[in-house]
Amino acid sequence: EKAASLRDQINAIEKVVEKQKVITKKQIDSDVIAMAREDGDACVQIFFIRSGKMIGREYFMLEGTEDDADEAVMSQFVKQFYTDAANVPAEVLLPKEIEEARIIKEWLNTKRGGRKVEMRVPRRGQSRHLVQMAAENASETLKSLRAQWQADTHKQEESLTELQEAFKLSNPPNRIECYDISHTQGVATVGSMVVFTQGVPDKKLYRRFNIRSVTGPDDFASMEEALTRRFKRWEAAQVETSKPKSARDASFSFLPDLLIVDGGKGQLSRAVSVLEKFGLTDKVPVVGLAKREEEIFFPHRSDSILLPRHSQGFYLVQRVRDEAHRFAITAHRKQRNKIGMASVLDAVPGIGPAKRKALLQKFGSVDKIRLANVAELSETKGINIALAETIKASLA
């Protein structure tokens, strides 16, 4: 029944697409962008219209957007998409105004070689109809993909069984927690905690830790603080017997069946020391996942293992780690923005008060500095090419 339902949904999408292969009267190159959202997931659909004819379409899935408004999500997407785009059209049509619209428009003009790019929200007519159709496509695609994810239960069970065997666990890791650290030269350091339940991201249980005890860029100490605070919350939850179970914070009230730290032996060693401090070494299995070759390290072992590249277990571990990384970066950017522009620029090696002032006078804001390319940055008084590259990397 699930397969039949999924097939019907796909057929429905194809019918919608067929109807939408329209030719506009305007002989102009346009990108039509719209979005659908549900339970923290977002699907962005783009129609590519060239010389008045729709030549193709593409969708992008965005996860972890539940804390952001539509305007912020779409703004971030537009910046990311056109950073890597081969070309920029003369017109970008959107369903609503986005954050930093004026800055993004100026940036798109630059990307198009100085030629003007119209970025607008059509209120009526054919352009408005195209935006509505893109939104309908995004909604249908999101529904189809969510149905497909639900049909992947067998793969999720397979991945948990594979991890149980590979890591020699007593039970399948039905609750996996993964931790990562993100910062800019030690400023606005944030630790992320993501939770996967039955092989699926459980976003309502995600938590972030603004690191307080660490000065400068120290990932090991930051990881230790994040894990210590997590298990202190677990410890406190065990004595809150007066609270009904439904009132307890499910993020911290339960122990993970598998704890993953993003990093190699150093991060793993800090995680083990935290578990020892709380007497949990026999209750919480922990591994470290190194970025190089996706190596997996175990406590008190010098060797590492590699999961089979195309196994379901490998895909799950990779997705868990990528989700922790994404969530950490998102949380760090929010924290960095709260701190303010001076702190962010001061964190860039080689930037003092005079150069910071020169940059802000030239560009007006950190957001504009972030959007500038290396050549534009190097035109600022006191900024050479090498320093411009450092600025670009630090504010990325």
Protein backbone atom coordinates (compact mmCIF):
# COMPACT_ATOMS: atom_id res chain seq x y z
CA GLU A 1 0.00 0.00 0.00
CA LYS A 2 2.86 2.38 0.83
CA ALA A 3 4.50 1.71 -2.53
CA ALA A 4 1.22 2.32 -4.37
CA SER A 5 0.62 5.53 -2.44
CA LEU A 6 4.13 6.75 -3.17
CA ARG A 7 3.70 5.92 -6.89
CA ASP A 8 0.43 7.87 -7.00
CA GLN A 9 2.08 10.87 -5.37
CA ILE A 10 4.96 10.82 -7.84
CA ASN A 11 2.48 10.58 -10.75
CA ALA A 12 0.59 13.53 -9.32
CA ILE A 13 3.79 15.58 -9.22
CA GLU A 14 4.62 14.71 -12.81
CA LYS A 15 1.14 15.81 -13.92
CA VAL A 16 1.62 19.12 -12.14
CA VAL A 17 5.02 19.57 -13.78
CA GLU A 18 3.65 18.80 -17.25
CA LYS A 19 0.98 21.45 -16.83
CA GLN A 20 3.60 23.93 -15.70
CA LYS A 21 5.91 23.73 -18.70
CA VAL A 22 4.67 27.14 -19.78
CA ILE A 23 6.15 29.73 -22.09
CA THR A 24 5.87 33.29 -20.78
CA LYS A 25 5.32 36.26 -23.02
CA LYS A 26 8.31 38.01 -21.48
CA GLN A 27 11.49 37.03 -23.36
CA ILE A 28 13.60 37.26 -20.23
CA ASP A 29 15.83 34.96 -18.20
CA SER A 30 14.28 34.32 -14.78
CA ASP A 31 14.68 32.04 -11.79
CA VAL A 32 11.43 31.43 -9.92
CA ILE A 33 11.99 30.38 -6.31
CA ALA A 34 9.40 29.18 -3.77
CA MET A 35 9.36 27.08 -0.62
CA ALA A 36 7.21 24.65 1.38
CA ARG A 37 7.80 23.79 5.06
CA GLU A 38 6.65 21.09 7.47
CA ASP A 39 7.95 19.93 10.89
CA GLY A 40 11.36 21.56 10.59
CA ASP A 41 11.95 20.44 7.00
CA ALA A 42 11.88 22.83 4.08
CA CYS A 43 11.79 22.16 0.35
CA VAL A 44 12.87 24.93 -2.02
CA GLN A 45 11.83 24.62 -5.66
CA ILE A 46 13.44 26.58 -8.50
CA PHE A 47 12.08 26.95 -12.03
CA PHE A 48 14.70 28.00 -14.57
CA ILE A 49 13.15 30.15 -17.29
CA ARG A 50 15.30 31.21 -20.22
CA SER A 51 14.03 33.39 -23.07
CA GLY A 52 10.51 32.94 -21.76
CA LYS A 53 10.59 29.14 -21.67
CA MET A 54 10.98 26.91 -18.63
CA ILE A 55 14.03 24.76 -19.42
CA GLY A 56 14.27 22.90 -16.12
CA ARG A 57 13.58 22.74 -12.43
CA GLU A 58 15.42 21.65 -9.31
CA TYR A 59 14.54 21.18 -5.65
CA PHE A 60 16.64 21.42 -2.49
CA MET A 61 15.84 19.97 0.93
CA LEU A 62 16.76 22.10 3.95
CA GLU A 63 16.79 20.59 7.43
CA GLY A 64 16.76 22.23 10.84
CA THR A 65 14.95 25.40 9.79
CA GLU A 66 12.31 25.27 12.50
CA ASP A 67 13.78 28.19 14.48
CA ASP A 68 13.96 30.58 11.53
CA ALA A 69 11.33 32.67 9.76
CA ASP A 70 10.59 32.13 6.07
CA GLU A 71 12.39 35.37 5.20
CA ALA A 72 15.60 34.22 6.93
CA VAL A 73 15.52 30.71 5.46
CA MET A 74 14.98 32.00 1.93
CA SER A 75 17.66 34.68 2.33
CA GLN A 76 20.23 32.12 3.42
CA PHE A 77 19.26 29.78 0.59
CA VAL A 78 19.53 32.47 -2.09
CA LYS A 79 23.03 33.41 -0.88
CA GLN A 80 24.19 29.79 -0.84
CA PHE A 81 22.64 28.90 -4.20
CA TYR A 82 24.04 31.82 -6.17
CA THR A 83 27.47 31.53 -4.57
CA ASP A 84 27.97 28.34 -6.59
CA ALA A 85 25.65 29.10 -9.53
CA ALA A 86 27.22 29.09 -13.00
CA ASN A 87 25.21 32.15 -14.04
CA VAL A 88 22.78 34.66 -12.61
CA PRO A 89 19.59 35.53 -14.56
CA ALA A 90 18.24 39.01 -15.15
CA GLU A 91 15.33 38.37 -12.79
CA VAL A 92 14.74 36.42 -9.58
CA LEU A 93 11.09 35.98 -8.55
CA LEU A 94 10.28 35.25 -4.90
CA PRO A 95 7.09 34.56 -2.91
CA LYS A 96 7.87 37.22 -0.28
CA GLU A 97 10.52 39.74 0.71
CA ILE A 98 13.68 38.23 2.18
CA GLU A 99 16.20 39.43 4.75
CA GLU A 100 19.12 41.53 3.48
CA ALA A 101 17.34 41.92 0.13
CA ARG A 102 19.17 45.11 -0.86
CA ILE A 103 22.61 43.70 -0.03
CA ILE A 104 21.89 40.44 -1.84
CA LYS A 105 20.65 42.32 -4.91
CA GLU A 106 23.87 44.37 -5.05
CA TRP A 107 25.88 41.16 -4.71
CA LEU A 108 23.92 39.50 -7.54
CA ASN A 109 24.60 42.52 -9.75
CA THR A 110 28.31 41.98 -9.11
CA LYS A 111 28.02 38.25 -9.80
CA ARG A 112 26.36 39.10 -13.14
CA GLY A 113 29.27 41.26 -14.19
CA GLY A 114 27.72 44.56 -13.19
CA ARG A 115 24.51 43.99 -15.13
CA LYS A 116 21.31 44.70 -13.22
CA VAL A 117 19.42 41.86 -11.52
CA GLU A 118 15.77 42.40 -10.60
CA MET A 119 14.85 40.57 -7.39
CA ARG A 120 11.15 41.06 -6.81
CA VAL A 121 7.93 39.69 -5.33
CA PRO A 122 5.25 39.72 -8.05
CA ARG A 123 1.76 40.59 -6.80
CA ARG A 124 -0.25 39.73 -9.91
CA GLY A 125 -0.14 38.46 -13.44
CA GLN A 126 1.89 35.71 -15.05
CA SER A 127 4.91 36.15 -12.80
CA ARG A 128 2.77 35.70 -9.70
CA HIS A 129 1.25 32.58 -11.26
CA LEU A 130 4.73 31.12 -11.82
CA VAL A 131 5.67 31.68 -8.17
CA GLN A 132 2.46 29.97 -7.05
CA MET A 133 3.20 26.99 -9.30
CA ALA A 134 6.72 26.71 -7.89
CA ALA A 135 5.24 26.72 -4.38
CA GLU A 136 2.80 23.97 -5.37
CA ASN A 137 5.69 21.91 -6.76
CA ALA A 138 7.68 22.42 -3.56
CA SER A 139 4.73 21.26 -1.46
CA GLU A 140 4.13 18.14 -3.58
CA THR A 141 7.83 17.26 -3.53
CA LEU A 142 8.04 17.64 0.24
CA LYS A 143 4.99 15.42 0.76
CA SER A 144 6.44 12.77 -1.54
CA LEU A 145 9.84 12.77 0.14
CA ARG A 146 8.34 12.58 3.62
CA ALA A 147 6.30 9.56 2.52
CA GLN A 148 9.46 8.00 1.12
CA TRP A 149 11.33 8.57 4.38
CA GLN A 150 8.56 6.84 6.28
CA ALA A 151 8.80 3.91 3.88
CA ASP A 152 12.51 3.60 4.63
CA THR A 153 11.90 2.04 8.05
CA HIS A 154 13.53 -1.21 6.93
CA LYS A 155 16.76 0.60 5.99
CA GLN A 156 16.81 2.34 9.35
CA GLU A 157 16.46 -0.96 11.18
CA GLU A 158 19.22 -2.42 9.01
CA SER A 159 21.56 0.48 9.81
CA LEU A 160 21.01 0.12 13.56
CA THR A 161 21.70 -3.62 13.41
CA GLU A 162 24.91 -3.00 11.44
CA LEU A 163 26.12 -0.47 14.02
CA GLN A 164 25.27 -2.84 16.86
CA GLU A 165 27.45 -5.52 15.27
CA ALA A 166 30.30 -3.22 14.19
CA PHE A 167 30.56 -1.49 17.59
CA LYS A 168 29.82 -4.68 19.57
CA LEU A 169 26.86 -3.11 21.38
CA SER A 170 24.52 -5.17 23.55
CA ASN A 171 21.46 -3.61 21.86
CA PRO A 172 20.68 -1.64 18.69
CA PRO A 173 21.53 2.06 19.23
CA ASN A 174 17.94 3.30 19.14
CA ARG A 175 19.01 6.63 20.64
CA ILE A 176 22.17 8.10 19.12
CA GLU A 177 23.59 11.42 20.30
CA CYS A 178 26.31 13.28 18.38
CA TYR A 179 28.28 16.35 19.48
CA ASP A 180 30.26 18.93 17.51
CA ILE A 181 31.94 22.27 18.23
CA SER A 182 31.86 25.42 16.09
CA HIS A 183 33.55 28.82 16.56
CA THR A 184 35.39 31.63 14.77
CA GLN A 185 38.94 31.83 16.12
CA GLY A 186 37.59 30.95 19.57
CA VAL A 187 34.79 33.55 19.50
CA ALA A 188 31.11 32.60 20.04
CA THR A 189 31.99 28.95 20.61
CA VAL A 190 28.95 26.66 20.54
CA GLY A 191 28.56 22.94 21.15
CA SER A 192 25.78 21.09 19.34
CA MET A 193 23.85 18.03 20.49
CA VAL A 194 21.73 16.18 17.95
CA VAL A 195 19.59 13.14 18.69
CA PHE A 196 18.56 10.38 16.30
CA THR A 197 15.77 8.08 17.49
CA GLN A 198 15.32 4.80 15.61
CA GLY A 199 17.69 6.11 12.95
CA VAL A 200 15.69 9.32 12.36
CA PRO A 201 16.61 12.87 13.47
CA ASP A 202 14.54 13.83 16.53
CA LYS A 203 14.81 17.59 16.16
CA LYS A 204 12.73 18.50 19.17
CA LEU A 205 15.50 16.96 21.30
CA TYR A 206 18.36 18.95 19.73
CA ARG A 207 20.18 21.25 22.13
CA ARG A 208 23.00 23.78 21.88
CA PHE A 209 25.55 24.80 24.51
CA ASN A 210 27.09 28.28 24.50
CA ILE A 211 30.59 27.51 25.79
CA ARG A 212 31.44 29.63 28.85
CA SER A 213 34.57 28.22 30.51
CA VAL A 214 36.92 28.16 27.51
CA THR A 215 39.02 31.07 26.25
CA GLY A 216 40.29 30.93 22.70
CA PRO A 217 40.00 28.13 20.14
CA ASP A 218 40.14 24.94 22.21
CA ASP A 219 37.86 22.28 20.72
CA PHE A 220 38.87 19.63 23.28
CA ALA A 221 38.00 21.75 26.32
CA SER A 222 34.82 22.97 24.61
CA MET A 223 33.71 19.39 23.96
CA GLU A 224 34.40 18.53 27.60
CA GLU A 225 32.25 21.43 28.81
CA ALA A 226 29.35 20.55 26.48
CA LEU A 227 29.32 16.89 27.57
CA THR A 228 29.73 17.78 31.24
CA ARG A 229 26.71 20.07 31.10
CA ARG A 230 24.70 17.44 29.24
CA PHE A 231 25.32 14.72 31.85
CA LYS A 232 24.85 17.13 34.75
CA ARG A 233 21.36 17.67 33.37
CA TRP A 234 20.88 13.90 33.21
CA GLU A 235 22.07 13.59 36.81
CA ALA A 236 19.65 16.29 37.95
CA ALA A 237 16.78 14.61 36.08
CA GLN A 238 17.30 11.41 38.08
CA VAL A 239 16.49 13.16 41.37
CA GLU A 240 13.48 15.06 40.04
CA THR A 241 11.17 12.29 41.17
CA SER A 242 8.42 14.73 42.07
CA LYS A 243 7.95 15.63 38.42
CA PRO A 244 5.77 13.43 36.23
CA LYS A 245 7.70 11.82 33.37
CA SER A 246 5.85 13.95 30.84
CA ALA A 247 7.21 17.13 32.47
CA ARG A 248 10.87 16.12 32.27
CA ASP A 249 13.15 17.29 29.49
CA ALA A 250 13.47 14.27 27.20
CA SER A 251 16.70 15.70 25.78
CA PHE A 252 18.54 15.04 29.03
CA SER A 253 16.45 12.56 31.02
CA PHE A 254 17.64 9.52 29.06
CA LEU A 255 21.08 8.16 28.30
CA PRO A 256 22.15 7.53 24.70
CA ASP A 257 22.61 4.00 23.41
CA LEU A 258 25.53 5.39 21.42
CA LEU A 259 27.48 8.61 21.88
CA ILE A 260 29.42 9.99 18.89
CA VAL A 261 31.87 12.87 19.12
CA ASP A 262 32.96 14.60 15.93
CA GLY A 263 36.73 14.21 16.07
CA GLY A 264 39.51 11.73 16.56
CA LYS A 265 41.41 10.44 19.57
CA GLY A 266 41.66 13.81 21.32
CA GLN A 267 37.94 14.49 21.37
CA LEU A 268 37.22 10.87 22.27
CA SER A 269 39.61 11.05 25.22
CA ARG A 270 37.75 14.08 26.62
CA ALA A 271 34.41 12.32 26.17
CA VAL A 272 35.70 9.26 28.04
CA SER A 273 36.95 11.42 30.93
CA VAL A 274 33.49 13.01 31.26
CA LEU A 275 31.78 9.61 31.29
CA GLU A 276 34.24 8.41 33.95
CA LYS A 277 33.46 11.45 36.07
CA PHE A 278 29.76 10.56 36.05
CA GLY A 279 30.31 6.81 36.42
CA LEU A 280 28.80 6.12 33.00
CA THR A 281 31.59 4.30 31.16
CA ASP A 282 29.71 0.99 31.41
CA LYS A 283 26.36 2.54 30.49
CA VAL A 284 27.16 4.79 27.54
CA PRO A 285 29.15 3.41 24.57
CA VAL A 286 31.18 6.18 22.91
CA VAL A 287 33.13 6.48 19.65
CA GLY A 288 35.03 9.26 17.91
CA LEU A 289 34.46 9.93 14.21
CA ALA A 290 37.48 11.46 12.47
CA LYS A 291 36.92 13.43 9.27
CA ARG A 292 39.85 11.77 7.49
CA GLU A 293 38.55 8.65 5.78
CA GLU A 294 35.59 8.57 8.22
CA GLU A 295 37.71 6.63 10.72
CA ILE A 296 35.95 5.43 13.87
CA PHE A 297 37.95 5.32 17.09
CA PHE A 298 37.12 3.43 20.28
CA PRO A 299 38.22 4.14 23.87
CA HIS A 300 41.53 2.62 24.96
CA ARG A 301 42.30 1.28 21.46
CA SER A 302 45.05 2.56 19.18
CA ASP A 303 43.52 1.20 15.99
CA SER A 304 40.41 2.44 14.19
CA ILE A 305 37.81 0.82 11.96
CA LEU A 306 36.17 1.81 8.68
CA LEU A 307 32.55 0.89 8.06
CA PRO A 308 31.80 -0.50 4.58
CA ARG A 309 31.36 2.53 2.32
CA HIS A 310 27.97 1.58 0.93
CA SER A 311 26.49 0.06 4.08
CA GLN A 312 23.39 1.48 5.76
CA GLY A 313 25.38 1.82 8.98
CA PHE A 314 27.95 4.02 7.24
CA TYR A 315 25.25 6.25 5.76
CA LEU A 316 23.59 6.67 9.15
CA VAL A 317 26.82 7.59 10.96
CA GLN A 318 27.67 10.03 8.20
CA ARG A 319 24.24 11.66 8.34
CA VAL A 320 24.34 11.93 12.14
CA ARG A 321 27.77 13.60 12.00
CA ASP A 322 26.75 15.97 9.18
CA GLU A 323 23.62 16.96 11.10
CA ALA A 324 25.65 17.73 14.24
CA HIS A 325 28.03 19.81 12.14
CA ARG A 326 25.21 21.73 10.44
CA PHE A 327 23.44 22.39 13.72
CA ALA A 328 26.67 23.58 15.37
CA ILE A 329 27.42 26.03 12.55
CA THR A 330 23.86 27.39 12.58
CA ALA A 331 23.96 27.91 16.35
CA HIS A 332 27.41 29.50 16.16
CA ARG A 333 26.32 32.00 13.52
CA LYS A 334 23.35 33.06 15.64
CA GLN A 335 25.56 33.46 18.70
CA ARG A 336 28.16 35.37 16.69
CA ASN A 337 25.50 37.77 15.41
CA LYS A 338 24.31 38.39 18.98
CA ILE A 339 27.82 39.27 20.12
CA GLY A 340 28.04 42.04 17.55
CA MET A 341 30.15 43.15 14.64
CA ALA A 342 33.17 44.39 16.61
CA SER A 343 33.76 41.04 18.31
CA VAL A 344 33.46 39.14 15.03
CA LEU A 345 35.98 41.35 13.24
CA ASP A 346 38.31 41.45 16.24
CA ALA A 347 38.46 37.66 16.08
CA VAL A 348 40.08 37.81 12.63
CA PRO A 349 43.88 37.46 12.91
CA GLY A 350 45.60 40.65 11.75
CA ILE A 351 42.59 42.93 12.25
CA GLY A 352 43.03 45.69 14.81
CA PRO A 353 40.91 48.76 15.60
CA ALA A 354 42.23 50.79 12.63
CA LYS A 355 41.65 48.10 10.01
CA ARG A 356 38.28 47.21 11.51
CA LYS A 357 37.25 50.85 11.24
CA ALA A 358 38.47 51.03 7.63
CA LEU A 359 36.49 47.92 6.67
CA LEU A 360 33.29 49.16 8.28
CA GLN A 361 33.67 52.59 6.70
CA LYS A 362 34.12 51.05 3.26
CA PHE A 363 31.43 48.34 3.41
CA GLY A 364 29.02 49.58 6.10
CA SER A 365 28.38 46.29 7.91
CA VAL A 366 29.80 42.86 8.64
CA ASP A 367 27.20 41.34 6.31
CA LYS A 368 28.53 43.42 3.40
CA ILE A 369 32.11 42.55 4.33
CA ARG A 370 31.13 38.87 4.34
CA LEU A 371 29.62 39.18 0.84
CA ALA A 372 32.66 40.96 -0.61
CA ASN A 373 35.23 38.99 -2.59
CA VAL A 374 38.96 38.93 -1.88
CA ALA A 375 39.75 41.56 -4.53
CA GLU A 376 37.18 43.98 -3.10
CA LEU A 377 38.43 43.44 0.45
CA SER A 378 42.04 44.08 -0.61
CA GLU A 379 41.05 47.53 -1.92
CA THR A 380 40.51 48.63 1.68
CA LYS A 381 43.28 50.73 3.25
CA GLY A 382 45.74 48.49 5.11
CA ILE A 383 44.32 45.21 3.75
CA ASN A 384 46.60 43.18 1.47
CA ILE A 385 45.63 40.06 -0.50
CA ALA A 386 46.78 37.63 2.19
CA LEU A 387 44.81 39.42 4.91
CA ALA A 388 41.79 39.68 2.61
CA GLU A 389 41.87 35.91 2.18
CA THR A 390 42.04 35.48 5.97
CA ILE A 391 39.04 37.78 6.42
CA LYS A 392 37.06 35.89 3.80
CA ALA A 393 37.82 32.53 5.43
CA SER A 394 37.08 33.76 8.97
CA LEU A 395 33.70 35.27 8.06
CA ALA A 396 32.57 32.42 5.80
